[in-house]
Amino acid sequence: MKCSNENCTKEAKNRGFCYSHYMRWWRHGEGTPAPLKQAPNGTGCIDSNGYVKVMVDGKSTYEHIILAERALGRKLTKDEVVHHTGKRHENRGPFRLVICTREYHALIHRRMEELGYENN
């Protein structure tokens, strides 16, 4: 069977993808035939950027933002963002999410890139 990704001629292995497209899907949610895939933990769907989206009060929103706001007991400010310490869809468990300022978040990613860790 051929890989489900358009223009790929490799043999499908996992979920209808060749190894390289499966890994891209696993890390980022890219290369999928449909724009949304079921999340691994069943809480919502993974969007094309690899983040889990859930329905809250009839509105689609990111799960990591909901979890961060619950932990804080308030809404995030415009200067606050949520950093994932693992894959973008991994929102559960200790130390998976870090709430920080936009400036500090950019610094984290610059440093990760310098060290060769930037993969999501």
PDB file of N, CA and C in Angstrom:
ATOM      1  N   MET A   1       0.844  -1.184   0.000  1.00  0.00           N
ATOM      2  CA  MET A   1       0.000   0.000   0.000  1.00  0.00           C
ATOM      3  C   MET A   1       0.885   1.240   0.000  1.00  0.00           C
ATOM      4  N   LYS A   2       0.486   2.257  -0.764  1.00  0.00           N
ATOM      5  CA  LYS A   2       1.229   3.507  -0.898  1.00  0.00           C
ATOM      6  C   LYS A   2       0.913   4.453   0.266  1.00  0.00           C
ATOM      7  N   CYS A   3       1.874   5.297   0.629  1.00  0.00           N
ATOM      8  CA  CYS A   3       1.700   6.298   1.682  1.00  0.00           C
ATOM      9  C   CYS A   3       0.504   7.199   1.356  1.00  0.00           C
ATOM     10  N   SER A   4      -0.264   7.564   2.382  1.00  0.00           N
ATOM     11  CA  SER A   4      -1.451   8.410   2.214  1.00  0.00           C
ATOM     12  C   SER A   4      -1.119   9.846   1.865  1.00  0.00           C
ATOM     13  N   ASN A   5       0.131  10.263   2.098  1.00  0.00           N
ATOM     14  CA  ASN A   5       0.514  11.631   1.805  1.00  0.00           C
ATOM     15  C   ASN A   5       0.624  11.824   0.289  1.00  0.00           C
ATOM     16  N   GLU A   6       0.057  12.925  -0.195  1.00  0.00           N
ATOM     17  CA  GLU A   6       0.101  13.218  -1.632  1.00  0.00           C
ATOM     18  C   GLU A   6       1.532  13.251  -2.155  1.00  0.00           C
ATOM     19  N   ASN A   7       1.740  12.775  -3.347  1.00  0.00           N
ATOM     20  CA  ASN A   7       3.026  12.794  -4.045  1.00  0.00           C
ATOM     21  C   ASN A   7       4.110  11.926  -3.405  1.00  0.00           C
ATOM     22  N   CYS A   8       3.761  11.095  -2.434  1.00  0.00           N
ATOM     23  CA  CYS A   8       4.748  10.203  -1.822  1.00  0.00           C
ATOM     24  C   CYS A   8       4.564   8.811  -2.420  1.00  0.00           C
ATOM     25  N   THR A   9       5.652   8.204  -2.837  1.00  0.00           N
ATOM     26  CA  THR A   9       5.580   6.888  -3.474  1.00  0.00           C
ATOM     27  C   THR A   9       6.074   5.768  -2.569  1.00  0.00           C
ATOM     28  N   LYS A  10       6.458   6.122  -1.327  1.00  0.00           N
ATOM     29  CA  LYS A  10       6.973   5.109  -0.401  1.00  0.00           C
ATOM     30  C   LYS A  10       5.843   4.208   0.102  1.00  0.00           C
ATOM     31  N   GLU A  11       6.230   3.061   0.636  1.00  0.00           N
ATOM     32  CA  GLU A  11       5.272   2.105   1.166  1.00  0.00           C
ATOM     33  C   GLU A  11       4.753   2.563   2.526  1.00  0.00           C
ATOM     34  N   ALA A  12       3.441   2.428   2.744  1.00  0.00           N
ATOM     35  CA  ALA A  12       2.819   2.809   4.012  1.00  0.00           C
ATOM     36  C   ALA A  12       3.161   1.798   5.096  1.00  0.00           C
ATOM     37  N   LYS A  13       3.428   2.297   6.306  1.00  0.00           N
ATOM     38  CA  LYS A  13       3.756   1.441   7.450  1.00  0.00           C
ATOM     39  C   LYS A  13       2.797   1.686   8.610  1.00  0.00           C
ATOM     40  N   ASN A  14       2.728   2.933   9.093  1.00  0.00           N
ATOM     41  CA  ASN A  14       1.927   3.293  10.266  1.00  0.00           C
ATOM     42  C   ASN A  14       0.801   4.238   9.889  1.00  0.00           C
ATOM     43  N   ARG A  15      -0.425   3.890  10.270  1.00  0.00           N
ATOM     44  CA  ARG A  15      -1.595   4.732  10.022  1.00  0.00           C
ATOM     45  C   ARG A  15      -1.713   5.157   8.563  1.00  0.00           C
ATOM     46  N   GLY A  16      -1.230   4.359   7.669  1.00  0.00           N
ATOM     47  CA  GLY A  16      -1.315   4.663   6.252  1.00  0.00           C
ATOM     48  C   GLY A  16      -0.225   5.573   5.728  1.00  0.00           C
ATOM     49  N   PHE A  17       0.795   5.858   6.528  1.00  0.00           N
ATOM     50  CA  PHE A  17       1.889   6.729   6.124  1.00  0.00           C
ATOM     51  C   PHE A  17       3.192   5.945   6.040  1.00  0.00           C
ATOM     52  N   CYS A  18       4.140   6.437   5.245  1.00  0.00           N
ATOM     53  CA  CYS A  18       5.504   5.911   5.282  1.00  0.00           C
ATOM     54  C   CYS A  18       6.123   6.406   6.597  1.00  0.00           C
ATOM     55  N   TYR A  19       7.299   5.928   6.927  1.00  0.00           N
ATOM     56  CA  TYR A  19       7.908   6.283   8.210  1.00  0.00           C
ATOM     57  C   TYR A  19       8.099   7.793   8.358  1.00  0.00           C
ATOM     58  N   SER A  20       8.655   8.455   7.341  1.00  0.00           N
ATOM     59  CA  SER A  20       8.947   9.893   7.480  1.00  0.00           C
ATOM     60  C   SER A  20       7.673  10.726   7.626  1.00  0.00           C
ATOM     61  N   HIS A  21       6.606  10.391   6.884  1.00  0.00           N
ATOM     62  CA  HIS A  21       5.362  11.145   7.016  1.00  0.00           C
ATOM     63  C   HIS A  21       4.639  10.812   8.315  1.00  0.00           C
ATOM     64  N   TYR A  22       4.762   9.582   8.794  1.00  0.00           N
ATOM     65  CA  TYR A  22       4.180   9.228  10.087  1.00  0.00           C
ATOM     66  C   TYR A  22       4.856  10.043  11.197  1.00  0.00           C
ATOM     67  N   MET A  23       6.187  10.155  11.157  1.00  0.00           N
ATOM     68  CA  MET A  23       6.898  10.920  12.183  1.00  0.00           C
ATOM     69  C   MET A  23       6.535  12.402  12.112  1.00  0.00           C
ATOM     70  N   ARG A  24       6.345  12.919  10.919  1.00  0.00           N
ATOM     71  CA  ARG A  24       5.920  14.312  10.771  1.00  0.00           C
ATOM     72  C   ARG A  24       4.539  14.484  11.389  1.00  0.00           C
ATOM     73  N   TRP A  25       3.636  13.557  11.125  1.00  0.00           N
ATOM     74  CA  TRP A  25       2.302  13.622  11.716  1.00  0.00           C
ATOM     75  C   TRP A  25       2.397  13.533  13.239  1.00  0.00           C
ATOM     76  N   TRP A  26       3.212  12.604  13.757  1.00  0.00           N
ATOM     77  CA  TRP A  26       3.335  12.407  15.196  1.00  0.00           C
ATOM     78  C   TRP A  26       3.850  13.671  15.878  1.00  0.00           C
ATOM     79  N   ARG A  27       4.827  14.362  15.286  1.00  0.00           N
ATOM     80  CA  ARG A  27       5.414  15.558  15.894  1.00  0.00           C
ATOM     81  C   ARG A  27       4.566  16.801  15.708  1.00  0.00           C
ATOM     82  N   HIS A  28       4.014  16.969  14.514  1.00  0.00           N
ATOM     83  CA  HIS A  28       3.399  18.258  14.175  1.00  0.00           C
ATOM     84  C   HIS A  28       1.963  18.186  13.683  1.00  0.00           C
ATOM     85  N   GLY A  29       1.462  16.993  13.391  1.00  0.00           N
ATOM     86  CA  GLY A  29       0.123  16.894  12.830  1.00  0.00           C
ATOM     87  C   GLY A  29       0.094  17.250  11.350  1.00  0.00           C
ATOM     88  N   GLU A  30       1.272  17.368  10.724  1.00  0.00           N
ATOM     89  CA  GLU A  30       1.343  17.744   9.314  1.00  0.00           C
ATOM     90  C   GLU A  30       1.271  16.508   8.429  1.00  0.00           C
ATOM     91  N   GLY A  31       0.861  16.704   7.217  1.00  0.00           N
ATOM     92  CA  GLY A  31       0.858  15.624   6.240  1.00  0.00           C
ATOM     93  C   GLY A  31      -0.302  14.666   6.387  1.00  0.00           C
ATOM     94  N   THR A  32      -1.283  15.038   7.187  1.00  0.00           N
ATOM     95  CA  THR A  32      -2.425  14.157   7.379  1.00  0.00           C
ATOM     96  C   THR A  32      -3.446  14.377   6.269  1.00  0.00           C
ATOM     97  N   PRO A  33      -4.193  13.337   5.859  1.00  0.00           N
ATOM     98  CA  PRO A  33      -5.192  13.515   4.822  1.00  0.00           C
ATOM     99  C   PRO A  33      -6.301  14.481   5.238  1.00  0.00           C
ATOM    100  N   ALA A  34      -6.654  14.495   6.519  1.00  0.00           N
ATOM    101  CA  ALA A  34      -7.697  15.392   7.027  1.00  0.00           C
ATOM    102  C   ALA A  34      -7.056  16.440   7.931  1.00  0.00           C
ATOM    103  N   PRO A  35      -7.661  17.642   8.046  1.00  0.00           N
ATOM    104  CA  PRO A  35      -7.060  18.682   8.860  1.00  0.00           C
ATOM    105  C   PRO A  35      -7.047  18.374  10.356  1.00  0.00           C
ATOM    106  N   LEU A  36      -7.949  17.501  10.832  1.00  0.00           N
ATOM    107  CA  LEU A  36      -7.986  17.153  12.249  1.00  0.00           C
ATOM    108  C   LEU A  36      -7.870  15.656  12.428  1.00  0.00           C
ATOM    109  N   LYS A  37      -7.136  15.234  13.438  1.00  0.00           N
ATOM    110  CA  LYS A  37      -6.996  13.821  13.801  1.00  0.00           C
ATOM    111  C   LYS A  37      -7.394  13.673  15.250  1.00  0.00           C
ATOM    112  N   GLN A  38      -7.891  12.495  15.621  1.00  0.00           N
ATOM    113  CA  GLN A  38      -8.243  12.240  17.010  1.00  0.00           C
ATOM    114  C   GLN A  38      -7.002  12.308  17.891  1.00  0.00           C
ATOM    115  N   ALA A  39      -7.103  12.980  19.014  1.00  0.00           N
ATOM    116  CA  ALA A  39      -5.980  13.088  19.944  1.00  0.00           C
ATOM    117  C   ALA A  39      -5.698  11.736  20.581  1.00  0.00           C
ATOM    118  N   PRO A  40      -4.421  11.463  20.912  1.00  0.00           N
ATOM    119  CA  PRO A  40      -4.069  10.185  21.513  1.00  0.00           C
ATOM    120  C   PRO A  40      -4.815   9.878  22.806  1.00  0.00           C
ATOM    121  N   ASN A  41      -5.082  10.907  23.630  1.00  0.00           N
ATOM    122  CA  ASN A  41      -5.766  10.663  24.891  1.00  0.00           C
ATOM    123  C   ASN A  41      -7.286  10.771  24.758  1.00  0.00           C
ATOM    124  N   GLY A  42      -7.782  10.993  23.552  1.00  0.00           N
ATOM    125  CA  GLY A  42      -9.216  11.014  23.303  1.00  0.00           C
ATOM    126  C   GLY A  42      -9.938  12.252  23.784  1.00  0.00           C
ATOM    127  N   THR A  43      -9.232  13.320  24.168  1.00  0.00           N
ATOM    128  CA  THR A  43      -9.900  14.503  24.703  1.00  0.00           C
ATOM    129  C   THR A  43     -10.401  15.443  23.617  1.00  0.00           C
ATOM    130  N   GLY A  44      -9.824  15.390  22.443  1.00  0.00           N
ATOM    131  CA  GLY A  44     -10.212  16.305  21.382  1.00  0.00           C
ATOM    132  C   GLY A  44      -9.548  15.882  20.096  1.00  0.00           C
ATOM    133  N   CYS A  45      -9.245  16.845  19.265  1.00  0.00           N
ATOM    134  CA  CYS A  45      -8.583  16.570  17.990  1.00  0.00           C
ATOM    135  C   CYS A  45      -7.276  17.323  17.928  1.00  0.00           C
ATOM    136  N   ILE A  46      -6.360  16.807  17.122  1.00  0.00           N
ATOM    137  CA  ILE A  46      -5.083  17.478  16.916  1.00  0.00           C
ATOM    138  C   ILE A  46      -5.193  18.306  15.645  1.00  0.00           C
ATOM    139  N   ASP A  47      -4.886  19.607  15.741  1.00  0.00           N
ATOM    140  CA  ASP A  47      -4.970  20.473  14.566  1.00  0.00           C
ATOM    141  C   ASP A  47      -3.739  20.298  13.680  1.00  0.00           C
ATOM    142  N   SER A  48      -3.681  21.036  12.593  1.00  0.00           N
ATOM    143  CA  SER A  48      -2.599  20.866  11.618  1.00  0.00           C
ATOM    144  C   SER A  48      -1.233  21.274  12.168  1.00  0.00           C
ATOM    145  N   ASN A  49      -1.195  22.002  13.289  1.00  0.00           N
ATOM    146  CA  ASN A  49       0.074  22.379  13.912  1.00  0.00           C
ATOM    147  C   ASN A  49       0.486  21.426  15.027  1.00  0.00           C
ATOM    148  N   GLY A  50      -0.347  20.427  15.306  1.00  0.00           N
ATOM    149  CA  GLY A  50      -0.008  19.430  16.315  1.00  0.00           C
ATOM    150  C   GLY A  50      -0.553  19.694  17.702  1.00  0.00           C
ATOM    151  N   TYR A  51      -1.373  20.725  17.883  1.00  0.00           N
ATOM    152  CA  TYR A  51      -1.947  21.058  19.183  1.00  0.00           C
ATOM    153  C   TYR A  51      -3.322  20.410  19.344  1.00  0.00           C
ATOM    154  N   VAL A  52      -3.662  20.023  20.584  1.00  0.00           N
ATOM    155  CA  VAL A  52      -4.974  19.436  20.863  1.00  0.00           C
ATOM    156  C   VAL A  52      -5.994  20.552  20.993  1.00  0.00           C
ATOM    157  N   LYS A  53      -7.096  20.421  20.235  1.00  0.00           N
ATOM    158  CA  LYS A  53      -8.203  21.378  20.326  1.00  0.00           C
ATOM    159  C   LYS A  53      -9.381  20.653  20.954  1.00  0.00           C
ATOM    160  N   VAL A  54     -10.075  21.336  21.845  1.00  0.00           N
ATOM    161  CA  VAL A  54     -11.240  20.782  22.516  1.00  0.00           C
ATOM    162  C   VAL A  54     -12.388  21.777  22.430  1.00  0.00           C
ATOM    163  N   MET A  55     -13.599  21.274  22.665  1.00  0.00           N
ATOM    164  CA  MET A  55     -14.783  22.138  22.680  1.00  0.00           C
ATOM    165  C   MET A  55     -15.075  22.539  24.123  1.00  0.00           C
ATOM    166  N   VAL A  56     -15.173  23.839  24.378  1.00  0.00           N
ATOM    167  CA  VAL A  56     -15.534  24.368  25.686  1.00  0.00           C
ATOM    168  C   VAL A  56     -16.631  25.400  25.474  1.00  0.00           C
ATOM    169  N   ASP A  57     -17.778  25.156  26.067  1.00  0.00           N
ATOM    170  CA  ASP A  57     -18.945  26.034  25.903  1.00  0.00           C
ATOM    171  C   ASP A  57     -19.273  26.261  24.429  1.00  0.00           C
ATOM    172  N   GLY A  58     -19.183  25.202  23.626  1.00  0.00           N
ATOM    173  CA  GLY A  58     -19.508  25.272  22.209  1.00  0.00           C
ATOM    174  C   GLY A  58     -18.469  25.961  21.353  1.00  0.00           C
ATOM    175  N   LYS A  59     -17.307  26.260  21.928  1.00  0.00           N
ATOM    176  CA  LYS A  59     -16.254  26.964  21.210  1.00  0.00           C
ATOM    177  C   LYS A  59     -15.000  26.102  21.163  1.00  0.00           C
ATOM    178  N   SER A  60     -14.356  26.026  20.014  1.00  0.00           N
ATOM    179  CA  SER A  60     -13.120  25.264  19.862  1.00  0.00           C
ATOM    180  C   SER A  60     -11.953  26.075  20.424  1.00  0.00           C
ATOM    181  N   THR A  61     -11.173  25.450  21.305  1.00  0.00           N
ATOM    182  CA  THR A  61     -10.038  26.141  21.909  1.00  0.00           C
ATOM    183  C   THR A  61      -8.916  25.147  22.173  1.00  0.00           C
ATOM    184  N   TYR A  62      -7.732  25.650  22.467  1.00  0.00           N
ATOM    185  CA  TYR A  62      -6.583  24.789  22.706  1.00  0.00           C
ATOM    186  C   TYR A  62      -6.599  24.241  24.130  1.00  0.00           C
ATOM    187  N   GLU A  63      -6.398  22.939  24.253  1.00  0.00           N
ATOM    188  CA  GLU A  63      -6.424  22.281  25.551  1.00  0.00           C
ATOM    189  C   GLU A  63      -5.343  22.823  26.486  1.00  0.00           C
ATOM    190  N   HIS A  64      -4.137  23.084  25.973  1.00  0.00           N
ATOM    191  CA  HIS A  64      -3.062  23.543  26.848  1.00  0.00           C
ATOM    192  C   HIS A  64      -3.375  24.897  27.475  1.00  0.00           C
ATOM    193  N   ILE A  65      -4.108  25.737  26.789  1.00  0.00           N
ATOM    194  CA  ILE A  65      -4.494  27.034  27.353  1.00  0.00           C
ATOM    195  C   ILE A  65      -5.518  26.847  28.469  1.00  0.00           C
ATOM    196  N   ILE A  66      -6.498  25.965  28.244  1.00  0.00           N
ATOM    197  CA  ILE A  66      -7.505  25.671  29.270  1.00  0.00           C
ATOM    198  C   ILE A  66      -6.834  25.137  30.532  1.00  0.00           C
ATOM    199  N   LEU A  67      -5.912  24.188  30.378  1.00  0.00           N
ATOM    200  CA  LEU A  67      -5.226  23.591  31.530  1.00  0.00           C
ATOM    201  C   LEU A  67      -4.375  24.622  32.273  1.00  0.00           C
ATOM    202  N   ALA A  68      -3.694  25.494  31.540  1.00  0.00           N
ATOM    203  CA  ALA A  68      -2.871  26.526  32.174  1.00  0.00           C
ATOM    204  C   ALA A  68      -3.746  27.509  32.955  1.00  0.00           C
ATOM    205  N   GLU A  69      -4.858  27.900  32.376  1.00  0.00           N
ATOM    206  CA  GLU A  69      -5.756  28.841  33.048  1.00  0.00           C
ATOM    207  C   GLU A  69      -6.389  28.221  34.296  1.00  0.00           C
ATOM    208  N   ARG A  70      -6.697  26.928  34.233  1.00  0.00           N
ATOM    209  CA  ARG A  70      -7.208  26.244  35.434  1.00  0.00           C
ATOM    210  C   ARG A  70      -6.149  26.236  36.535  1.00  0.00           C
ATOM    211  N   ALA A  71      -4.893  25.969  36.166  1.00  0.00           N
ATOM    212  CA  ALA A  71      -3.809  25.936  37.155  1.00  0.00           C
ATOM    213  C   ALA A  71      -3.606  27.310  37.791  1.00  0.00           C
ATOM    214  N   LEU A  72      -3.717  28.361  36.992  1.00  0.00           N
ATOM    215  CA  LEU A  72      -3.545  29.723  37.502  1.00  0.00           C
ATOM    216  C   LEU A  72      -4.775  30.227  38.257  1.00  0.00           C
ATOM    217  N   GLY A  73      -5.940  29.696  37.900  1.00  0.00           N
ATOM    218  CA  GLY A  73      -7.183  30.188  38.485  1.00  0.00           C
ATOM    219  C   GLY A  73      -7.647  31.483  37.850  1.00  0.00           C
ATOM    220  N   ARG A  74      -7.129  31.782  36.661  1.00  0.00           N
ATOM    221  CA  ARG A  74      -7.492  33.007  35.924  1.00  0.00           C
ATOM    222  C   ARG A  74      -7.130  32.829  34.455  1.00  0.00           C
ATOM    223  N   LYS A  75      -7.585  33.767  33.635  1.00  0.00           N
ATOM    224  CA  LYS A  75      -7.238  33.767  32.221  1.00  0.00           C
ATOM    225  C   LYS A  75      -5.782  34.193  32.043  1.00  0.00           C
ATOM    226  N   LEU A  76      -5.143  33.712  30.984  1.00  0.00           N
ATOM    227  CA  LEU A  76      -3.795  34.175  30.648  1.00  0.00           C
ATOM    228  C   LEU A  76      -3.859  35.633  30.206  1.00  0.00           C
ATOM    229  N   THR A  77      -2.837  36.412  30.527  1.00  0.00           N
ATOM    230  CA  THR A  77      -2.778  37.781  30.031  1.00  0.00           C
ATOM    231  C   THR A  77      -2.276  37.748  28.590  1.00  0.00           C
ATOM    232  N   LYS A  78      -2.320  38.880  27.911  1.00  0.00           N
ATOM    233  CA  LYS A  78      -1.842  38.939  26.523  1.00  0.00           C
ATOM    234  C   LYS A  78      -0.342  38.695  26.422  1.00  0.00           C
ATOM    235  N   ASP A  79       0.390  38.904  27.506  1.00  0.00           N
ATOM    236  CA  ASP A  79       1.837  38.714  27.510  1.00  0.00           C
ATOM    237  C   ASP A  79       2.244  37.303  27.924  1.00  0.00           C
ATOM    238  N   GLU A  80       1.298  36.455  28.320  1.00  0.00           N
ATOM    239  CA  GLU A  80       1.609  35.103  28.788  1.00  0.00           C
ATOM    240  C   GLU A  80       1.315  34.065  27.705  1.00  0.00           C
ATOM    241  N   VAL A  81       2.175  33.059  27.614  1.00  0.00           N
ATOM    242  CA  VAL A  81       1.979  31.948  26.689  1.00  0.00           C
ATOM    243  C   VAL A  81       2.281  30.646  27.423  1.00  0.00           C
ATOM    244  N   VAL A  82       1.907  29.543  26.801  1.00  0.00           N
ATOM    245  CA  VAL A  82       2.154  28.229  27.373  1.00  0.00           C
ATOM    246  C   VAL A  82       3.200  27.526  26.512  1.00  0.00           C
ATOM    247  N   HIS A  83       4.296  27.114  27.129  1.00  0.00           N
ATOM    248  CA  HIS A  83       5.366  26.392  26.438  1.00  0.00           C
ATOM    249  C   HIS A  83       5.220  24.908  26.726  1.00  0.00           C
ATOM    250  N   HIS A  84       5.313  24.083  25.688  1.00  0.00           N
ATOM    251  CA  HIS A  84       5.290  22.626  25.838  1.00  0.00           C
ATOM    252  C   HIS A  84       6.721  22.125  26.016  1.00  0.00           C
ATOM    253  N   THR A  85       6.953  21.299  27.036  1.00  0.00           N
ATOM    254  CA  THR A  85       8.283  20.733  27.232  1.00  0.00           C
ATOM    255  C   THR A  85       8.441  19.427  26.470  1.00  0.00           C
ATOM    256  N   GLY A  86       7.355  18.933  25.907  1.00  0.00           N
ATOM    257  CA  GLY A  86       7.384  17.717  25.095  1.00  0.00           C
ATOM    258  C   GLY A  86       6.734  18.000  23.761  1.00  0.00           C
ATOM    259  N   LYS A  87       6.068  17.020  23.209  1.00  0.00           N
ATOM    260  CA  LYS A  87       5.362  17.197  21.947  1.00  0.00           C
ATOM    261  C   LYS A  87       4.148  18.093  22.167  1.00  0.00           C
ATOM    262  N   ARG A  88       3.722  18.747  21.116  1.00  0.00           N
ATOM    263  CA  ARG A  88       2.637  19.723  21.215  1.00  0.00           C
ATOM    264  C   ARG A  88       1.320  19.126  21.703  1.00  0.00           C
ATOM    265  N   HIS A  89       1.103  17.855  21.481  1.00  0.00           N
ATOM    266  CA  HIS A  89      -0.158  17.245  21.917  1.00  0.00           C
ATOM    267  C   HIS A  89      -0.078  16.674  23.331  1.00  0.00           C
ATOM    268  N   GLU A  90       1.091  16.727  23.960  1.00  0.00           N
ATOM    269  CA  GLU A  90       1.267  16.185  25.309  1.00  0.00           C
ATOM    270  C   GLU A  90       0.990  17.270  26.351  1.00  0.00           C
ATOM    271  N   ASN A  91      -0.229  17.285  26.855  1.00  0.00           N
ATOM    272  CA  ASN A  91      -0.641  18.317  27.796  1.00  0.00           C
ATOM    273  C   ASN A  91      -0.783  17.803  29.222  1.00  0.00           C
ATOM    274  N   ARG A  92      -0.736  16.517  29.415  1.00  0.00           N
ATOM    275  CA  ARG A  92      -0.964  15.925  30.743  1.00  0.00           C
ATOM    276  C   ARG A  92       0.355  15.491  31.376  1.00  0.00           C
ATOM    277  N   GLY A  93       0.348  15.405  32.693  1.00  0.00           N
ATOM    278  CA  GLY A  93       1.526  14.933  33.396  1.00  0.00           C
ATOM    279  C   GLY A  93       2.341  16.085  33.958  1.00  0.00           C
ATOM    280  N   PRO A  94       3.207  15.769  34.915  1.00  0.00           N
ATOM    281  CA  PRO A  94       3.986  16.838  35.551  1.00  0.00           C
ATOM    282  C   PRO A  94       5.002  17.451  34.592  1.00  0.00           C
ATOM    283  N   PHE A  95       5.136  18.739  34.662  1.00  0.00           N
ATOM    284  CA  PHE A  95       6.157  19.495  33.935  1.00  0.00           C
ATOM    285  C   PHE A  95       6.010  19.453  32.419  1.00  0.00           C
ATOM    286  N   ARG A  96       4.823  19.206  31.891  1.00  0.00           N
ATOM    287  CA  ARG A  96       4.611  19.218  30.438  1.00  0.00           C
ATOM    288  C   ARG A  96       4.380  20.634  29.915  1.00  0.00           C
ATOM    289  N   LEU A  97       3.785  21.495  30.749  1.00  0.00           N
ATOM    290  CA  LEU A  97       3.447  22.846  30.325  1.00  0.00           C
ATOM    291  C   LEU A  97       4.108  23.867  31.240  1.00  0.00           C
ATOM    292  N   VAL A  98       4.632  24.930  30.636  1.00  0.00           N
ATOM    293  CA  VAL A  98       5.260  26.012  31.399  1.00  0.00           C
ATOM    294  C   VAL A  98       4.596  27.316  30.978  1.00  0.00           C
ATOM    295  N   ILE A  99       4.096  28.058  31.935  1.00  0.00           N
ATOM    296  CA  ILE A  99       3.484  29.356  31.654  1.00  0.00           C
ATOM    297  C   ILE A  99       4.580  30.407  31.790  1.00  0.00           C
ATOM    298  N   CYS A 100       4.772  31.193  30.731  1.00  0.00           N
ATOM    299  CA  CYS A 100       5.844  32.197  30.761  1.00  0.00           C
ATOM    300  C   CYS A 100       5.457  33.399  29.908  1.00  0.00           C
ATOM    301  N   THR A 101       6.264  34.444  29.986  1.00  0.00           N
ATOM    302  CA  THR A 101       6.019  35.628  29.159  1.00  0.00           C
ATOM    303  C   THR A 101       6.412  35.311  27.709  1.00  0.00           C
ATOM    304  N   ARG A 102       5.886  36.076  26.781  1.00  0.00           N
ATOM    305  CA  ARG A 102       6.226  35.892  25.360  1.00  0.00           C
ATOM    306  C   ARG A 102       7.729  36.064  25.135  1.00  0.00           C
ATOM    307  N   GLU A 103       8.313  37.040  25.807  1.00  0.00           N
ATOM    308  CA  GLU A 103       9.745  37.307  25.663  1.00  0.00           C
ATOM    309  C   GLU A 103      10.575  36.106  26.128  1.00  0.00           C
ATOM    310  N   TYR A 104      10.226  35.555  27.299  1.00  0.00           N
ATOM    311  CA  TYR A 104      10.961  34.410  27.823  1.00  0.00           C
ATOM    312  C   TYR A 104      10.741  33.176  26.939  1.00  0.00           C
ATOM    313  N   HIS A 105       9.532  33.030  26.417  1.00  0.00           N
ATOM    314  CA  HIS A 105       9.217  31.903  25.527  1.00  0.00           C
ATOM    315  C   HIS A 105      10.088  31.958  24.270  1.00  0.00           C
ATOM    316  N   ALA A 106      10.240  33.127  23.708  1.00  0.00           N
ATOM    317  CA  ALA A 106      11.097  33.290  22.523  1.00  0.00           C
ATOM    318  C   ALA A 106      12.546  32.933  22.863  1.00  0.00           C
ATOM    319  N   LEU A 107      12.993  33.330  24.054  1.00  0.00           N
ATOM    320  CA  LEU A 107      14.344  33.003  24.502  1.00  0.00           C
ATOM    321  C   LEU A 107      14.532  31.488  24.636  1.00  0.00           C
ATOM    322  N   ILE A 108      13.542  30.805  25.194  1.00  0.00           N
ATOM    323  CA  ILE A 108      13.601  29.338  25.320  1.00  0.00           C
ATOM    324  C   ILE A 108      13.811  28.704  23.948  1.00  0.00           C
ATOM    325  N   HIS A 109      13.010  29.132  22.959  1.00  0.00           N
ATOM    326  CA  HIS A 109      13.101  28.535  21.629  1.00  0.00           C
ATOM    327  C   HIS A 109      14.404  28.881  20.917  1.00  0.00           C
ATOM    328  N   ARG A 110      14.895  30.099  21.106  1.00  0.00           N
ATOM    329  CA  ARG A 110      16.197  30.454  20.520  1.00  0.00           C
ATOM    330  C   ARG A 110      17.297  29.565  21.093  1.00  0.00           C
ATOM    331  N   ARG A 111      17.272  29.381  22.404  1.00  0.00           N
ATOM    332  CA  ARG A 111      18.290  28.558  23.062  1.00  0.00           C
ATOM    333  C   ARG A 111      18.173  27.101  22.641  1.00  0.00           C
ATOM    334  N   MET A 112      16.938  26.578  22.543  1.00  0.00           N
ATOM    335  CA  MET A 112      16.731  25.196  22.103  1.00  0.00           C
ATOM    336  C   MET A 112      17.271  25.001  20.683  1.00  0.00           C
ATOM    337  N   GLU A 113      17.035  25.979  19.835  1.00  0.00           N
ATOM    338  CA  GLU A 113      17.516  25.904  18.457  1.00  0.00           C
ATOM    339  C   GLU A 113      19.047  25.921  18.411  1.00  0.00           C
ATOM    340  N   GLU A 114      19.659  26.786  19.211  1.00  0.00           N
ATOM    341  CA  GLU A 114      21.127  26.853  19.276  1.00  0.00           C
ATOM    342  C   GLU A 114      21.728  25.506  19.704  1.00  0.00           C
ATOM    343  N   LEU A 115      21.030  24.827  20.609  1.00  0.00           N
ATOM    344  CA  LEU A 115      21.520  23.541  21.125  1.00  0.00           C
ATOM    345  C   LEU A 115      21.085  22.354  20.280  1.00  0.00           C
ATOM    346  N   GLY A 116      20.293  22.609  19.250  1.00  0.00           N
ATOM    347  CA  GLY A 116      19.851  21.543  18.356  1.00  0.00           C
ATOM    348  C   GLY A 116      18.663  20.754  18.845  1.00  0.00           C
ATOM    349  N   TYR A 117      17.893  21.293  19.803  1.00  0.00           N
ATOM    350  CA  TYR A 117      16.744  20.586  20.354  1.00  0.00           C
ATOM    351  C   TYR A 117      15.427  20.986  19.716  1.00  0.00           C
ATOM    352  N   GLU A 118      15.414  21.970  18.880  1.00  0.00           N
ATOM    353  CA  GLU A 118      14.163  22.485  18.306  1.00  0.00           C
ATOM    354  C   GLU A 118      13.591  21.471  17.329  1.00  0.00           C
ATOM    355  N   ASN A 119      12.505  20.834  17.730  1.00  0.00           N
ATOM    356  CA  ASN A 119      11.844  19.886  16.822  1.00  0.00           C
ATOM    357  C   ASN A 119      10.342  19.983  16.868  1.00  0.00           C
ATOM    358  N   ASN A 120       9.765  20.967  17.577  1.00  0.00           N
ATOM    359  CA  ASN A 120       8.311  21.089  17.562  1.00  0.00           C
ATOM    360  C   ASN A 120       7.874  22.503  17.617  1.00  0.00           C
TER     361      ASN A 120
END
